[in-house]
Amino acid sequence: VWSFTVSNTGPGAANTALMSSFTLAQSGGTACSSPPAVSSASVNGGNAQSFPNVQLGNMAPASSIPVNVTIDFSTCTSASRFTLTIGLSANAGAATASVQRFNQFP
């Protein structure tokens, strides 16, 4: 389980915010025998949701929401490294963002 926080740093509300994608690309280390499987996300301790379009809810300016994503890394080693890309949208698609994190490990 990878845990992180999604934040609204903008000046306005992010209504009906969604995590539209969650993509892992192996970027180094020992090769996995098959890609890790992203199974679900839990937002703010709630029920598991499937990708795409994990519902984050309405986010006021300067607010944050904790998210836990369950990933099966059983075909990888601790030496595997990944680039994570998260797609986000809000306000019926009027606001979008993409966040990347490099050199992430299982």
C-alpha atoms as a PDB file:
ATOM      1  CA  VAL A   1       0.000   0.000   0.000  1.00  0.00           C
ATOM      2  CA  TRP A   2       1.380   3.361  -1.045  1.00  0.00           C
ATOM      3  CA  SER A   3       0.062   6.300   1.001  1.00  0.00           C
ATOM      4  CA  PHE A   4       0.115   9.915  -0.092  1.00  0.00           C
ATOM      5  CA  THR A   5      -1.853  13.146   0.094  1.00  0.00           C
ATOM      6  CA  VAL A   6      -3.644  14.962  -2.724  1.00  0.00           C
ATOM      7  CA  SER A   7      -3.728  18.728  -2.113  1.00  0.00           C
ATOM      8  CA  ASN A   8      -5.660  21.586  -3.675  1.00  0.00           C
ATOM      9  CA  THR A   9      -3.104  24.390  -3.858  1.00  0.00           C
ATOM     10  CA  GLY A  10      -5.249  26.568  -6.106  1.00  0.00           C
ATOM     11  CA  PRO A  11      -7.193  29.661  -5.148  1.00  0.00           C
ATOM     12  CA  GLY A  12     -10.592  28.053  -5.870  1.00  0.00           C
ATOM     13  CA  ALA A  13     -12.507  24.918  -4.982  1.00  0.00           C
ATOM     14  CA  ALA A  14     -11.795  21.648  -6.784  1.00  0.00           C
ATOM     15  CA  ASN A  15     -15.306  20.219  -7.040  1.00  0.00           C
ATOM     16  CA  THR A  16     -15.924  16.549  -7.813  1.00  0.00           C
ATOM     17  CA  ALA A  17     -12.167  16.000  -7.894  1.00  0.00           C
ATOM     18  CA  LEU A  18     -11.001  12.736  -9.454  1.00  0.00           C
ATOM     19  CA  MET A  19      -7.790  10.765  -9.613  1.00  0.00           C
ATOM     20  CA  SER A  20      -8.210   9.903 -13.293  1.00  0.00           C
ATOM     21  CA  SER A  21      -5.134   7.705 -13.662  1.00  0.00           C
ATOM     22  CA  PHE A  22      -2.322   6.042 -11.702  1.00  0.00           C
ATOM     23  CA  THR A  23       0.472   4.730 -13.893  1.00  0.00           C
ATOM     24  CA  LEU A  24       3.694   2.983 -12.902  1.00  0.00           C
ATOM     25  CA  ALA A  25       6.573   2.641 -15.375  1.00  0.00           C
ATOM     26  CA  GLN A  26       9.666   0.719 -14.374  1.00  0.00           C
ATOM     27  CA  SER A  27      12.606   3.107 -14.552  1.00  0.00           C
ATOM     28  CA  GLY A  28      15.486   1.107 -13.108  1.00  0.00           C
ATOM     29  CA  GLY A  29      16.735  -1.610 -10.848  1.00  0.00           C
ATOM     30  CA  THR A  30      15.965  -5.281 -11.190  1.00  0.00           C
ATOM     31  CA  ALA A  31      13.333  -5.952 -13.842  1.00  0.00           C
ATOM     32  CA  CYS A  32       9.962  -7.260 -12.651  1.00  0.00           C
ATOM     33  CA  SER A  33       8.816 -10.526 -14.229  1.00  0.00           C
ATOM     34  CA  SER A  34       5.470  -8.793 -14.969  1.00  0.00           C
ATOM     35  CA  PRO A  35       4.204  -5.249 -14.317  1.00  0.00           C
ATOM     36  CA  PRO A  36       2.940  -4.454 -10.822  1.00  0.00           C
ATOM     37  CA  ALA A  37      -0.848  -4.569 -10.570  1.00  0.00           C
ATOM     38  CA  VAL A  38      -2.645  -1.494  -9.233  1.00  0.00           C
ATOM     39  CA  SER A  39      -5.823  -2.835  -7.653  1.00  0.00           C
ATOM     40  CA  SER A  40      -7.665  -0.069  -5.786  1.00  0.00           C
ATOM     41  CA  ALA A  41      -7.551   3.217  -3.910  1.00  0.00           C
ATOM     42  CA  SER A  42      -9.043   4.198  -0.574  1.00  0.00           C
ATOM     43  CA  VAL A  43      -9.747   7.905  -0.109  1.00  0.00           C
ATOM     44  CA  ASN A  44      -9.777   9.391   3.389  1.00  0.00           C
ATOM     45  CA  GLY A  45     -10.161   5.926   4.944  1.00  0.00           C
ATOM     46  CA  GLY A  46     -13.246   5.091   2.864  1.00  0.00           C
ATOM     47  CA  ASN A  47     -14.160   2.046   0.803  1.00  0.00           C
ATOM     48  CA  ALA A  48     -11.866   0.793  -1.935  1.00  0.00           C
ATOM     49  CA  GLN A  49     -12.460   2.302  -5.385  1.00  0.00           C
ATOM     50  CA  SER A  50     -11.242   1.043  -8.748  1.00  0.00           C
ATOM     51  CA  PHE A  51      -9.315   3.060 -11.328  1.00  0.00           C
ATOM     52  CA  PRO A  52      -9.883   5.088 -13.430  1.00  0.00           C
ATOM     53  CA  ASN A  53     -11.719   8.006 -11.870  1.00  0.00           C
ATOM     54  CA  VAL A  54     -11.259   7.462  -8.167  1.00  0.00           C
ATOM     55  CA  GLN A  55     -13.558  10.008  -6.517  1.00  0.00           C
ATOM     56  CA  LEU A  56     -11.751  12.406  -4.189  1.00  0.00           C
ATOM     57  CA  GLY A  57     -14.795  14.611  -3.539  1.00  0.00           C
ATOM     58  CA  ASN A  58     -14.963  18.382  -3.206  1.00  0.00           C
ATOM     59  CA  MET A  59     -11.765  20.072  -2.092  1.00  0.00           C
ATOM     60  CA  ALA A  60     -11.675  23.576  -0.678  1.00  0.00           C
ATOM     61  CA  PRO A  61      -8.634  25.771  -1.413  1.00  0.00           C
ATOM     62  CA  ALA A  62      -5.603  24.730   0.697  1.00  0.00           C
ATOM     63  CA  SER A  63      -7.219  21.396   1.650  1.00  0.00           C
ATOM     64  CA  SER A  64      -5.743  17.907   1.440  1.00  0.00           C
ATOM     65  CA  ILE A  65      -7.118  14.375   1.231  1.00  0.00           C
ATOM     66  CA  PRO A  66      -5.192  11.206   2.229  1.00  0.00           C
ATOM     67  CA  VAL A  67      -5.178   8.382  -0.326  1.00  0.00           C
ATOM     68  CA  ASN A  68      -3.958   4.770  -0.020  1.00  0.00           C
ATOM     69  CA  VAL A  69      -3.345   2.822  -3.232  1.00  0.00           C
ATOM     70  CA  THR A  70      -3.009  -0.968  -3.112  1.00  0.00           C
ATOM     71  CA  ILE A  71      -0.374  -2.311  -5.516  1.00  0.00           C
ATOM     72  CA  ASP A  72       0.795  -5.899  -6.011  1.00  0.00           C
ATOM     73  CA  PHE A  73       4.584  -5.802  -6.383  1.00  0.00           C
ATOM     74  CA  SER A  74       4.989  -9.589  -5.918  1.00  0.00           C
ATOM     75  CA  THR A  75       6.730  -9.969  -9.304  1.00  0.00           C
ATOM     76  CA  CYS A  76       9.308  -7.283  -8.447  1.00  0.00           C
ATOM     77  CA  THR A  77      12.244  -7.034  -6.072  1.00  0.00           C
ATOM     78  CA  SER A  78      13.058  -4.308  -3.585  1.00  0.00           C
ATOM     79  CA  ALA A  79      15.718  -3.142  -6.084  1.00  0.00           C
ATOM     80  CA  SER A  80      13.055  -2.279  -8.703  1.00  0.00           C
ATOM     81  CA  ARG A  81      12.431   1.439  -9.282  1.00  0.00           C
ATOM     82  CA  PHE A  82       9.434   3.171 -10.841  1.00  0.00           C
ATOM     83  CA  THR A  83       8.183   6.480 -12.173  1.00  0.00           C
ATOM     84  CA  LEU A  84       4.674   7.178 -10.908  1.00  0.00           C
ATOM     85  CA  THR A  85       2.313   9.431 -12.863  1.00  0.00           C
ATOM     86  CA  ILE A  86      -1.025  10.476 -11.341  1.00  0.00           C
ATOM     87  CA  GLY A  87      -3.685  12.219 -13.424  1.00  0.00           C
ATOM     88  CA  LEU A  88      -6.096  14.528 -11.599  1.00  0.00           C
ATOM     89  CA  SER A  89      -9.154  16.482 -12.687  1.00  0.00           C
ATOM     90  CA  ALA A  90     -11.872  18.628 -11.096  1.00  0.00           C
ATOM     91  CA  ASN A  91     -14.698  20.995 -11.946  1.00  0.00           C
ATOM     92  CA  ALA A  92     -16.074  18.760 -14.724  1.00  0.00           C
ATOM     93  CA  GLY A  93     -12.662  18.574 -16.393  1.00  0.00           C
ATOM     94  CA  ALA A  94     -12.059  22.332 -16.398  1.00  0.00           C
ATOM     95  CA  ALA A  95      -9.081  21.821 -14.069  1.00  0.00           C
ATOM     96  CA  THR A  96      -6.538  19.073 -14.748  1.00  0.00           C
ATOM     97  CA  ALA A  97      -3.098  18.216 -13.436  1.00  0.00           C
ATOM     98  CA  SER A  98      -0.501  15.516 -13.721  1.00  0.00           C
ATOM     99  CA  VAL A  99       1.907  14.693 -10.907  1.00  0.00           C
ATOM    100  CA  GLN A 100       5.084  12.644 -11.383  1.00  0.00           C
ATOM    101  CA  ARG A 101       7.267  11.034  -8.756  1.00  0.00           C
ATOM    102  CA  PHE A 102      10.581   9.527  -9.789  1.00  0.00           C
ATOM    103  CA  ASN A 103      12.696   6.707  -8.332  1.00  0.00           C
ATOM    104  CA  GLN A 104       9.864   5.160  -6.308  1.00  0.00           C
ATOM    105  CA  PHE A 105      10.413   1.664  -4.945  1.00  0.00           C
ATOM    106  CA  PRO A 106       8.106  -1.204  -3.854  1.00  0.00           C
END
